[in-house]
PDB file of N, CA and C in Angstrom:
ATOM      1  N   MET A   1    -118.244  96.510 -70.509  1.00  0.00           N
ATOM      2  CA  MET A   1    -118.247  97.695 -69.403  1.00  0.00           C
ATOM      3  C   MET A   1    -117.206  98.677 -69.145  1.00  0.00           C
ATOM      4  N   LYS A   2    -115.995  97.942 -69.261  1.00  0.00           N
ATOM      5  CA  LYS A   2    -114.875  99.004 -69.059  1.00  0.00           C
ATOM      6  C   LYS A   2    -114.357 100.183 -70.190  1.00  0.00           C
ATOM      7  N   GLN A   3    -115.296  99.456 -71.196  1.00  0.00           N
ATOM      8  CA  GLN A   3    -114.942 100.379 -72.701  1.00  0.00           C
ATOM      9  C   GLN A   3    -116.062 101.501 -72.635  1.00  0.00           C
ATOM     10  N   LEU A   4    -117.322 101.185 -71.859  1.00  0.00           N
ATOM     11  CA  LEU A   4    -118.251 102.284 -71.953  1.00  0.00           C
ATOM     12  C   LEU A   4    -117.779 103.323 -70.818  1.00  0.00           C
ATOM     13  N   LYS A   5    -116.978 103.063 -69.839  1.00  0.00           N
ATOM     14  CA  LYS A   5    -116.369 103.972 -68.941  1.00  0.00           C
ATOM     15  C   LYS A   5    -115.452 104.894 -69.302  1.00  0.00           C
ATOM     16  N   ASN A   6    -114.446 103.960 -70.559  1.00  0.00           N
ATOM     17  CA  ASN A   6    -113.536 104.455 -70.806  1.00  0.00           C
ATOM     18  C   ASN A   6    -113.988 105.969 -71.761  1.00  0.00           C
ATOM     19  N   ILE A   7    -115.093 105.155 -72.659  1.00  0.00           N
ATOM     20  CA  ILE A   7    -115.752 106.456 -73.330  1.00  0.00           C
ATOM     21  C   ILE A   7    -116.320 107.239 -72.630  1.00  0.00           C
ATOM     22  N   SER A   8    -117.486 107.308 -71.434  1.00  0.00           N
ATOM     23  CA  SER A   8    -117.751 108.667 -70.832  1.00  0.00           C
ATOM     24  C   SER A   8    -116.827 108.637 -70.053  1.00  0.00           C
ATOM     25  N   ALA A   9    -115.846 108.368 -69.987  1.00  0.00           N
ATOM     26  CA  ALA A   9    -114.387 109.415 -69.030  1.00  0.00           C
ATOM     27  C   ALA A   9    -114.283 110.622 -70.099  1.00  0.00           C
ATOM     28  N   ARG A  10    -113.816 109.839 -71.208  1.00  0.00           N
ATOM     29  CA  ARG A  10    -113.112 110.928 -72.445  1.00  0.00           C
ATOM     30  C   ARG A  10    -114.242 112.065 -73.165  1.00  0.00           C
ATOM     31  N   VAL A  11    -115.475 111.680 -72.763  1.00  0.00           N
ATOM     32  CA  VAL A  11    -116.546 112.744 -73.755  1.00  0.00           C
ATOM     33  C   VAL A  11    -116.442 113.689 -72.137  1.00  0.00           C
ATOM     34  N   PHE A  12    -116.718 113.582 -71.055  1.00  0.00           N
ATOM     35  CA  PHE A  12    -116.651 114.220 -70.089  1.00  0.00           C
ATOM     36  C   PHE A  12    -115.362 114.706 -70.074  1.00  0.00           C
ATOM     37  N   GLY A  13    -114.026 114.263 -69.731  1.00  0.00           N
ATOM     38  CA  GLY A  13    -113.131 115.274 -70.218  1.00  0.00           C
ATOM     39  C   GLY A  13    -112.946 116.360 -71.225  1.00  0.00           C
ATOM     40  N   LEU A  14    -113.500 115.891 -72.362  1.00  0.00           N
ATOM     41  CA  LEU A  14    -113.491 116.906 -73.509  1.00  0.00           C
ATOM     42  C   LEU A  14    -114.939 118.017 -72.669  1.00  0.00           C
ATOM     43  N   ILE A  15    -115.589 117.627 -72.463  1.00  0.00           N
ATOM     44  CA  ILE A  15    -116.600 118.790 -72.117  1.00  0.00           C
ATOM     45  C   ILE A  15    -116.311 119.678 -70.919  1.00  0.00           C
ATOM     46  N   THR A  16    -115.343 118.889 -70.244  1.00  0.00           N
ATOM     47  CA  THR A  16    -114.805 119.746 -69.284  1.00  0.00           C
ATOM     48  C   THR A  16    -112.987 120.730 -69.561  1.00  0.00           C
ATOM     49  N   ASP A  17    -112.782 120.017 -70.619  1.00  0.00           N
ATOM     50  CA  ASP A  17    -111.446 121.009 -70.964  1.00  0.00           C
ATOM     51  C   ASP A  17    -111.599 122.107 -71.820  1.00  0.00           C
ATOM     52  N   GLU A  18    -111.111 123.027 -71.420  1.00  0.00           N
ATOM     53  CA  GLU A  18    -111.071 124.374 -71.793  1.00  0.00           C
ATOM     54  C   GLU A  18    -110.144 124.702 -72.636  1.00  0.00           C
ATOM     55  N   ASP A  19    -108.900 124.103 -73.295  1.00  0.00           N
ATOM     56  CA  ASP A  19    -108.248 124.696 -74.695  1.00  0.00           C
ATOM     57  C   ASP A  19    -109.241 124.613 -75.589  1.00  0.00           C
ATOM     58  N   GLY A  20    -110.660 124.715 -75.585  1.00  0.00           N
ATOM     59  CA  GLY A  20    -111.138 124.996 -76.954  1.00  0.00           C
ATOM     60  C   GLY A  20    -111.855 126.687 -76.817  1.00  0.00           C
ATOM     61  N   ALA A  21    -111.950 126.751 -75.385  1.00  0.00           N
ATOM     62  CA  ALA A  21    -112.314 127.887 -75.123  1.00  0.00           C
ATOM     63  C   ALA A  21    -111.276 129.219 -75.593  1.00  0.00           C
ATOM     64  N   VAL A  22    -110.271 128.949 -75.579  1.00  0.00           N
ATOM     65  CA  VAL A  22    -109.140 129.789 -75.732  1.00  0.00           C
ATOM     66  C   VAL A  22    -109.081 130.242 -76.897  1.00  0.00           C
ATOM     67  N   THR A  23    -109.284 128.926 -77.900  1.00  0.00           N
ATOM     68  CA  THR A  23    -109.614 129.137 -79.683  1.00  0.00           C
ATOM     69  C   THR A  23    -110.740 130.112 -79.963  1.00  0.00           C
ATOM     70  N   VAL A  24    -111.668 130.048 -79.004  1.00  0.00           N
ATOM     71  CA  VAL A  24    -112.982 130.887 -79.647  1.00  0.00           C
ATOM     72  C   VAL A  24    -112.557 131.886 -78.979  1.00  0.00           C
ATOM     73  N   ASP A  25    -112.106 132.283 -78.108  1.00  0.00           N
ATOM     74  CA  ASP A  25    -111.740 133.747 -78.333  1.00  0.00           C
ATOM     75  C   ASP A  25    -110.790 134.179 -78.935  1.00  0.00           C
ATOM     76  N   TRP A  26    -109.886 133.531 -79.027  1.00  0.00           N
ATOM     77  CA  TRP A  26    -108.909 134.421 -80.267  1.00  0.00           C
ATOM     78  C   TRP A  26    -109.390 134.327 -81.810  1.00  0.00           C
ATOM     79  N   ILE A  27    -110.598 133.740 -81.854  1.00  0.00           N
ATOM     80  CA  ILE A  27    -110.787 133.566 -82.733  1.00  0.00           C
ATOM     81  C   ILE A  27    -111.918 134.890 -83.275  1.00  0.00           C
ATOM     82  N   VAL A  28    -112.379 135.176 -81.937  1.00  0.00           N
ATOM     83  CA  VAL A  28    -113.593 136.180 -81.837  1.00  0.00           C
ATOM     84  C   VAL A  28    -112.607 137.288 -81.774  1.00  0.00           C
ATOM     85  N   LEU A  29    -111.751 137.536 -81.206  1.00  0.00           N
ATOM     86  CA  LEU A  29    -110.423 138.635 -80.717  1.00  0.00           C
ATOM     87  C   LEU A  29    -110.157 138.724 -82.188  1.00  0.00           C
ATOM     88  N   THR A  30    -109.500 138.207 -83.127  1.00  0.00           N
ATOM     89  CA  THR A  30    -109.512 138.073 -84.395  1.00  0.00           C
ATOM     90  C   THR A  30    -110.364 138.641 -85.205  1.00  0.00           C
ATOM     91  N   ALA A  31    -111.768 138.138 -85.453  1.00  0.00           N
ATOM     92  CA  ALA A  31    -112.279 138.700 -86.333  1.00  0.00           C
ATOM     93  C   ALA A  31    -112.931 140.312 -85.881  1.00  0.00           C
ATOM     94  N   ALA A  32    -112.419 140.336 -84.911  1.00  0.00           N
ATOM     95  CA  ALA A  32    -112.752 141.936 -84.274  1.00  0.00           C
ATOM     96  C   ALA A  32    -111.951 142.773 -84.628  1.00  0.00           C
ATOM     97  N   ILE A  33    -110.557 142.299 -84.817  1.00  0.00           N
ATOM     98  CA  ILE A  33    -109.333 143.112 -85.430  1.00  0.00           C
ATOM     99  C   ILE A  33    -109.715 143.482 -86.274  1.00  0.00           C
ATOM    100  N   VAL A  34    -110.073 142.344 -87.627  1.00  0.00           N
ATOM    101  CA  VAL A  34    -110.557 142.460 -88.988  1.00  0.00           C
ATOM    102  C   VAL A  34    -111.452 143.616 -89.252  1.00  0.00           C
ATOM    103  N   MET A  35    -112.371 143.002 -88.537  1.00  0.00           N
ATOM    104  CA  MET A  35    -113.802 144.625 -88.471  1.00  0.00           C
ATOM    105  C   MET A  35    -113.356 145.553 -88.664  1.00  0.00           C
ATOM    106  N   LEU A  36    -112.458 145.382 -87.128  1.00  0.00           N
ATOM    107  CA  LEU A  36    -112.217 147.397 -87.206  1.00  0.00           C
ATOM    108  C   LEU A  36    -111.145 147.915 -88.822  1.00  0.00           C
ATOM    109  N   GLY A  37    -110.043 147.198 -88.728  1.00  0.00           N
ATOM    110  CA  GLY A  37    -109.400 147.033 -89.878  1.00  0.00           C
ATOM    111  C   GLY A  37    -110.248 147.611 -91.229  1.00  0.00           C
ATOM    112  N   MET A  38    -111.722 146.602 -91.710  1.00  0.00           N
ATOM    113  CA  MET A  38    -112.468 146.612 -92.627  1.00  0.00           C
ATOM    114  C   MET A  38    -113.077 148.112 -92.622  1.00  0.00           C
ATOM    115  N   ALA A  39    -113.738 148.644 -91.367  1.00  0.00           N
ATOM    116  CA  ALA A  39    -114.323 149.496 -90.897  1.00  0.00           C
ATOM    117  C   ALA A  39    -113.363 151.051 -91.720  1.00  0.00           C
ATOM    118  N   SER A  40    -112.326 150.785 -90.885  1.00  0.00           N
ATOM    119  CA  SER A  40    -111.904 152.254 -91.048  1.00  0.00           C
ATOM    120  C   SER A  40    -110.993 152.273 -92.928  1.00  0.00           C
ATOM    121  N   MET A  41    -110.721 151.317 -93.425  1.00  0.00           N
ATOM    122  CA  MET A  41    -110.536 151.300 -94.718  1.00  0.00           C
ATOM    123  C   MET A  41    -111.933 151.839 -95.300  1.00  0.00           C
ATOM    124  N   PHE A  42    -113.004 151.586 -95.152  1.00  0.00           N
ATOM    125  CA  PHE A  42    -114.163 151.910 -95.888  1.00  0.00           C
ATOM    126  C   PHE A  42    -114.398 153.962 -95.649  1.00  0.00           C
ATOM    127  N   ILE A  43    -113.593 153.723 -94.242  1.00  0.00           N
ATOM    128  CA  ILE A  43    -114.130 154.822 -93.877  1.00  0.00           C
ATOM    129  C   ILE A  43    -112.744 156.098 -94.739  1.00  0.00           C
ATOM    130  N   VAL A  44    -111.698 155.575 -94.690  1.00  0.00           N
ATOM    131  CA  VAL A  44    -110.530 156.325 -95.443  1.00  0.00           C
ATOM    132  C   VAL A  44    -110.690 156.413 -97.009  1.00  0.00           C
ATOM    133  N   ALA A  45    -111.190 154.939 -97.628  1.00  0.00           N
ATOM    134  CA  ALA A  45    -111.485 154.887 -99.028  1.00  0.00           C
ATOM    135  C   ALA A  45    -112.735 156.092 -99.674  1.00  0.00           C
ATOM    136  N   GLY A  46    -113.033 155.853 -98.503  1.00  0.00           N
ATOM    137  CA  GLY A  46    -114.542 157.164 -98.995  1.00  0.00           C
ATOM    138  C   GLY A  46    -113.826 158.398 -99.260  1.00  0.00           C
ATOM    139  N   ASN A  47    -113.065 158.902 -98.453  1.00  0.00           N
ATOM    140  CA  ASN A  47    -112.371 160.355 -98.469  1.00  0.00           C
ATOM    141  C   ASN A  47    -111.294 160.290 -99.271  1.00  0.00           C
ATOM    142  N   ILE A  48    -110.931 159.412-100.125  1.00  0.00           N
ATOM    143  CA  ILE A  48    -109.637 159.643-100.625  1.00  0.00           C
ATOM    144  C   ILE A  48    -110.375 159.930-102.101  1.00  0.00           C
ATOM    145  N   PRO A  49    -111.516 160.362-102.799  1.00  0.00           N
ATOM    146  CA  PRO A  49    -111.744 161.290-104.047  1.00  0.00           C
ATOM    147  C   PRO A  49    -111.966 162.496-103.851  1.00  0.00           C
ATOM    148  N   GLY A  50    -112.115 162.939-102.455  1.00  0.00           N
ATOM    149  CA  GLY A  50    -112.220 164.189-102.341  1.00  0.00           C
ATOM    150  C   GLY A  50    -111.050 164.721-101.709  1.00  0.00           C
ATOM    151  N   LEU A  51    -110.347 164.554-101.114  1.00  0.00           N
ATOM    152  CA  LEU A  51    -108.804 164.365-100.736  1.00  0.00           C
ATOM    153  C   LEU A  51    -107.936 164.540-101.976  1.00  0.00           C
ATOM    154  N   SER A  52    -108.088 163.644-103.255  1.00  0.00           N
ATOM    155  CA  SER A  52    -107.380 163.574-104.347  1.00  0.00           C
ATOM    156  C   SER A  52    -107.843 164.755-105.106  1.00  0.00           C
ATOM    157  N   SER A  53    -109.168 165.213-105.058  1.00  0.00           N
ATOM    158  CA  SER A  53    -109.456 166.383-105.840  1.00  0.00           C
ATOM    159  C   SER A  53    -108.686 167.993-105.575  1.00  0.00           C
ATOM    160  N   LYS A  54    -108.582 167.886-103.672  1.00  0.00           N
ATOM    161  CA  LYS A  54    -108.238 169.060-103.270  1.00  0.00           C
ATOM    162  C   LYS A  54    -106.855 169.197-103.479  1.00  0.00           C
ATOM    163  N   VAL A  55    -105.922 168.361-103.292  1.00  0.00           N
ATOM    164  CA  VAL A  55    -104.251 168.158-104.132  1.00  0.00           C
ATOM    165  C   VAL A  55    -104.282 168.238-105.218  1.00  0.00           C
ATOM    166  N   SER A  56    -104.947 168.218-106.218  1.00  0.00           N
ATOM    167  CA  SER A  56    -105.062 168.276-107.535  1.00  0.00           C
ATOM    168  C   SER A  56    -105.450 169.802-107.594  1.00  0.00           C
ATOM    169  N   SER A  57    -106.047 170.709-107.130  1.00  0.00           N
ATOM    170  CA  SER A  57    -106.500 171.794-107.777  1.00  0.00           C
ATOM    171  C   SER A  57    -105.147 172.257-106.810  1.00  0.00           C
ATOM    172  N   VAL A  58    -104.635 172.326-105.603  1.00  0.00           N
ATOM    173  CA  VAL A  58    -103.794 172.524-104.946  1.00  0.00           C
ATOM    174  C   VAL A  58    -102.247 172.890-105.700  1.00  0.00           C
ATOM    175  N   VAL A  59    -101.812 171.820-106.529  1.00  0.00           N
ATOM    176  CA  VAL A  59    -100.770 171.452-107.370  1.00  0.00           C
ATOM    177  C   VAL A  59    -101.370 172.151-108.852  1.00  0.00           C
ATOM    178  N   ALA A  60    -102.151 172.127-109.208  1.00  0.00           N
ATOM    179  CA  ALA A  60    -102.605 173.047-111.037  1.00  0.00           C
ATOM    180  C   ALA A  60    -102.312 174.527-110.281  1.00  0.00           C
ATOM    181  N   ASN A  61    -102.318 175.003-108.877  1.00  0.00           N
ATOM    182  CA  ASN A  61    -102.034 176.764-109.035  1.00  0.00           C
ATOM    183  C   ASN A  61    -101.058 177.033-108.146  1.00  0.00           C
ATOM    184  N   GLN A  62    -100.202 175.995-108.346  1.00  0.00           N
ATOM    185  CA  GLN A  62     -98.420 175.898-107.688  1.00  0.00           C
ATOM    186  C   GLN A  62     -98.106 176.774-109.462  1.00  0.00           C
ATOM    187  N   PRO A  63     -97.378 177.769-108.899  1.00  0.00           N
ATOM    188  CA  PRO A  63     -96.363 178.390-110.395  1.00  0.00           C
ATOM    189  C   PRO A  63     -94.833 177.587-110.669  1.00  0.00           C
ATOM    190  N   ILE A  64     -94.709 176.930-111.751  1.00  0.00           N
ATOM    191  CA  ILE A  64     -93.733 176.437-111.978  1.00  0.00           C
ATOM    192  C   ILE A  64     -92.933 177.483-112.341  1.00  0.00           C
ATOM    193  N   GLY A  65     -91.697 177.087-111.926  1.00  0.00           N
ATOM    194  CA  GLY A  65     -90.412 177.705-111.638  1.00  0.00           C
ATOM    195  C   GLY A  65     -90.313 179.043-110.818  1.00  0.00           C
ATOM    196  N   SER A  66     -89.331 180.083-110.765  1.00  0.00           N
ATOM    197  CA  SER A  66     -89.302 181.157-109.941  1.00  0.00           C
ATOM    198  C   SER A  66     -89.542 182.338-110.313  1.00  0.00           C
TER     199      SER A  66
END
């Protein structure tokens, strides 16, 4: 009977413990930061070909020497 009370006390302690909630918050926050980074990467990566062609045309039209 004493073991059953000990087990129920441990289970109740796990249920009321809030340390896991902090871990979940950090995981969600980290996932949000990673997703923002990926979204910005896709936006930048989508504009690189157009920007490189503009830079190429400007460099090609520059005179060499004075």
